[in-house]
């Protein structure tokens, strides 16, 4: 049985869409943590789930993704009483206020 080219192209596009939908558990882009002028760590396409820990203290974060993130001063993405997490919008960057202390982890903000 011979399949027409338009039908084959349509099937290919449909299968590509299914493959892309399966990858939505990741944030597309890079989140980079810095301390002074030094890059501490970069996370490329991090998972939308769970806590992501920086391997060293971070004083500036660049969020080059299509998702907003929450920054924490603790290594386990918890906010100590009286010190809430910091919301960083997509495609943004932020620096630590000296009284807040360095960031140690982040999570992807709920949509």
C-alpha atoms as a PDB file:
ATOM      1  CA  UNK A   1       0.000   0.000   0.000  1.00  0.00           C
ATOM      2  CA  UNK A   2       1.350   3.347  -1.013  1.00  0.00           C
ATOM      3  CA  UNK A   3       1.068   6.332   1.381  1.00  0.00           C
ATOM      4  CA  UNK A   4       0.787   9.848  -0.001  1.00  0.00           C
ATOM      5  CA  UNK A   5       3.462  12.397   0.896  1.00  0.00           C
ATOM      6  CA  UNK A   6       1.032  14.797   2.635  1.00  0.00           C
ATOM      7  CA  UNK A   7      -0.255  11.959   4.816  1.00  0.00           C
ATOM      8  CA  UNK A   8       3.293  10.870   5.683  1.00  0.00           C
ATOM      9  CA  UNK A   9       4.234  14.472   6.569  1.00  0.00           C
ATOM     10  CA  UNK A  10       1.133  14.829   8.750  1.00  0.00           C
ATOM     11  CA  UNK A  11       1.975  11.605  10.591  1.00  0.00           C
ATOM     12  CA  UNK A  12       5.533  12.838  11.189  1.00  0.00           C
ATOM     13  CA  UNK A  13       4.287  16.157  12.619  1.00  0.00           C
ATOM     14  CA  UNK A  14       1.797  14.362  14.878  1.00  0.00           C
ATOM     15  CA  UNK A  15       4.482  12.033  16.243  1.00  0.00           C
ATOM     16  CA  UNK A  16       6.821  14.986  16.847  1.00  0.00           C
ATOM     17  CA  UNK A  17       4.093  16.687  18.887  1.00  0.00           C
ATOM     18  CA  UNK A  18       3.685  13.603  21.049  1.00  0.00           C
ATOM     19  CA  UNK A  19       7.437  13.503  21.638  1.00  0.00           C
ATOM     20  CA  UNK A  20       7.543  17.171  22.649  1.00  0.00           C
ATOM     21  CA  UNK A  21       4.600  16.783  25.009  1.00  0.00           C
ATOM     22  CA  UNK A  22       6.467  14.044  26.845  1.00  0.00           C
ATOM     23  CA  UNK A  23       9.344  16.456  27.582  1.00  0.00           C
ATOM     24  CA  UNK A  24       7.265  19.038  29.449  1.00  0.00           C
ATOM     25  CA  UNK A  25       8.601  17.909  32.812  1.00  0.00           C
ATOM     26  CA  UNK A  26      11.669  20.062  32.137  1.00  0.00           C
ATOM     27  CA  UNK A  27      12.204  23.796  32.015  1.00  0.00           C
ATOM     28  CA  UNK A  28      13.774  24.855  28.722  1.00  0.00           C
ATOM     29  CA  UNK A  29      16.795  27.111  29.131  1.00  0.00           C
ATOM     30  CA  UNK A  30      19.589  27.730  31.612  1.00  0.00           C
ATOM     31  CA  UNK A  31      19.725  28.963  35.198  1.00  0.00           C
ATOM     32  CA  UNK A  32      23.189  30.201  36.148  1.00  0.00           C
ATOM     33  CA  UNK A  33      24.446  30.971  39.645  1.00  0.00           C
ATOM     34  CA  UNK A  34      27.377  33.333  40.254  1.00  0.00           C
ATOM     35  CA  UNK A  35      29.416  34.416  43.247  1.00  0.00           C
ATOM     36  CA  UNK A  36      31.123  37.709  42.535  1.00  0.00           C
ATOM     37  CA  UNK A  37      32.483  37.471  38.998  1.00  0.00           C
ATOM     38  CA  UNK A  38      32.773  33.665  39.132  1.00  0.00           C
ATOM     39  CA  UNK A  39      30.221  31.244  37.703  1.00  0.00           C
ATOM     40  CA  UNK A  40      29.384  28.701  40.404  1.00  0.00           C
ATOM     41  CA  UNK A  41      27.043  26.405  38.479  1.00  0.00           C
ATOM     42  CA  UNK A  42      24.717  26.317  35.478  1.00  0.00           C
ATOM     43  CA  UNK A  43      21.601  24.142  35.228  1.00  0.00           C
ATOM     44  CA  UNK A  44      20.480  23.454  31.647  1.00  0.00           C
ATOM     45  CA  UNK A  45      16.865  22.321  31.166  1.00  0.00           C
ATOM     46  CA  UNK A  46      16.309  21.573  34.874  1.00  0.00           C
ATOM     47  CA  UNK A  47      13.404  19.394  35.966  1.00  0.00           C
ATOM     48  CA  UNK A  48      10.195  21.172  36.959  1.00  0.00           C
ATOM     49  CA  UNK A  49      10.018  18.921  40.023  1.00  0.00           C
ATOM     50  CA  UNK A  50      11.985  19.064  43.236  1.00  0.00           C
ATOM     51  CA  UNK A  51      14.756  21.155  44.682  1.00  0.00           C
ATOM     52  CA  UNK A  52      17.937  22.104  42.816  1.00  0.00           C
ATOM     53  CA  UNK A  53      20.930  22.749  45.055  1.00  0.00           C
ATOM     54  CA  UNK A  54      23.823  25.016  44.097  1.00  0.00           C
ATOM     55  CA  UNK A  55      27.194  23.383  44.820  1.00  0.00           C
ATOM     56  CA  UNK A  56      28.417  26.608  46.487  1.00  0.00           C
ATOM     57  CA  UNK A  57      26.911  29.870  47.750  1.00  0.00           C
ATOM     58  CA  UNK A  58      25.457  32.101  45.033  1.00  0.00           C
ATOM     59  CA  UNK A  59      25.133  35.898  45.136  1.00  0.00           C
ATOM     60  CA  UNK A  60      23.623  36.444  41.665  1.00  0.00           C
ATOM     61  CA  UNK A  61      21.285  34.283  39.574  1.00  0.00           C
ATOM     62  CA  UNK A  62      20.443  34.564  35.875  1.00  0.00           C
ATOM     63  CA  UNK A  63      17.210  32.873  34.834  1.00  0.00           C
ATOM     64  CA  UNK A  64      17.324  32.360  31.054  1.00  0.00           C
ATOM     65  CA  UNK A  65      14.292  30.063  30.944  1.00  0.00           C
ATOM     66  CA  UNK A  66      10.603  30.398  30.127  1.00  0.00           C
ATOM     67  CA  UNK A  67       9.682  29.644  33.767  1.00  0.00           C
ATOM     68  CA  UNK A  68       9.903  31.680  36.942  1.00  0.00           C
ATOM     69  CA  UNK A  69      11.888  30.284  39.862  1.00  0.00           C
ATOM     70  CA  UNK A  70      11.979  30.543  43.646  1.00  0.00           C
ATOM     71  CA  UNK A  71      15.367  31.144  45.304  1.00  0.00           C
ATOM     72  CA  UNK A  72      16.171  29.956  48.827  1.00  0.00           C
ATOM     73  CA  UNK A  73      18.930  30.655  51.352  1.00  0.00           C
ATOM     74  CA  UNK A  74      18.706  27.029  52.522  1.00  0.00           C
ATOM     75  CA  UNK A  75      20.093  23.990  50.659  1.00  0.00           C
ATOM     76  CA  UNK A  76      16.732  22.155  50.749  1.00  0.00           C
ATOM     77  CA  UNK A  77      14.337  24.741  49.229  1.00  0.00           C
ATOM     78  CA  UNK A  78      12.720  25.613  52.540  1.00  0.00           C
ATOM     79  CA  UNK A  79      12.094  29.161  53.701  1.00  0.00           C
ATOM     80  CA  UNK A  80      13.165  29.835  57.295  1.00  0.00           C
ATOM     81  CA  UNK A  81      10.556  31.582  59.422  1.00  0.00           C
ATOM     82  CA  UNK A  82      10.525  35.279  58.633  1.00  0.00           C
ATOM     83  CA  UNK A  83      12.699  34.866  55.518  1.00  0.00           C
ATOM     84  CA  UNK A  84      10.527  34.022  52.524  1.00  0.00           C
ATOM     85  CA  UNK A  85      11.851  32.683  49.242  1.00  0.00           C
ATOM     86  CA  UNK A  86      12.726  35.151  46.470  1.00  0.00           C
ATOM     87  CA  UNK A  87      10.654  35.033  43.266  1.00  0.00           C
ATOM     88  CA  UNK A  88      12.699  35.496  40.087  1.00  0.00           C
ATOM     89  CA  UNK A  89      10.699  36.003  36.917  1.00  0.00           C
ATOM     90  CA  UNK A  90      11.573  34.234  33.670  1.00  0.00           C
ATOM     91  CA  UNK A  91      14.323  35.819  31.581  1.00  0.00           C
ATOM     92  CA  UNK A  92      15.541  37.819  34.594  1.00  0.00           C
ATOM     93  CA  UNK A  93      18.426  38.133  37.018  1.00  0.00           C
ATOM     94  CA  UNK A  94      18.715  39.107  40.660  1.00  0.00           C
ATOM     95  CA  UNK A  95      21.429  39.813  43.208  1.00  0.00           C
ATOM     96  CA  UNK A  96      21.389  38.973  46.898  1.00  0.00           C
ATOM     97  CA  UNK A  97      20.750  41.764  49.352  1.00  0.00           C
ATOM     98  CA  UNK A  98      23.577  41.471  51.873  1.00  0.00           C
ATOM     99  CA  UNK A  99      21.204  41.006  54.823  1.00  0.00           C
ATOM    100  CA  UNK A 100      19.468  38.065  53.082  1.00  0.00           C
ATOM    101  CA  UNK A 101      22.608  35.980  52.741  1.00  0.00           C
ATOM    102  CA  UNK A 102      23.613  33.865  49.725  1.00  0.00           C
ATOM    103  CA  UNK A 103      21.252  31.585  47.843  1.00  0.00           C
ATOM    104  CA  UNK A 104      21.835  27.875  48.157  1.00  0.00           C
ATOM    105  CA  UNK A 105      18.955  26.316  46.180  1.00  0.00           C
ATOM    106  CA  UNK A 106      16.027  26.976  43.845  1.00  0.00           C
ATOM    107  CA  UNK A 107      12.836  25.370  42.603  1.00  0.00           C
ATOM    108  CA  UNK A 108      10.646  26.025  39.579  1.00  0.00           C
ATOM    109  CA  UNK A 109       7.710  28.242  40.550  1.00  0.00           C
ATOM    110  CA  UNK A 110       4.247  26.741  40.075  1.00  0.00           C
ATOM    111  CA  UNK A 111       2.532  27.959  36.916  1.00  0.00           C
END
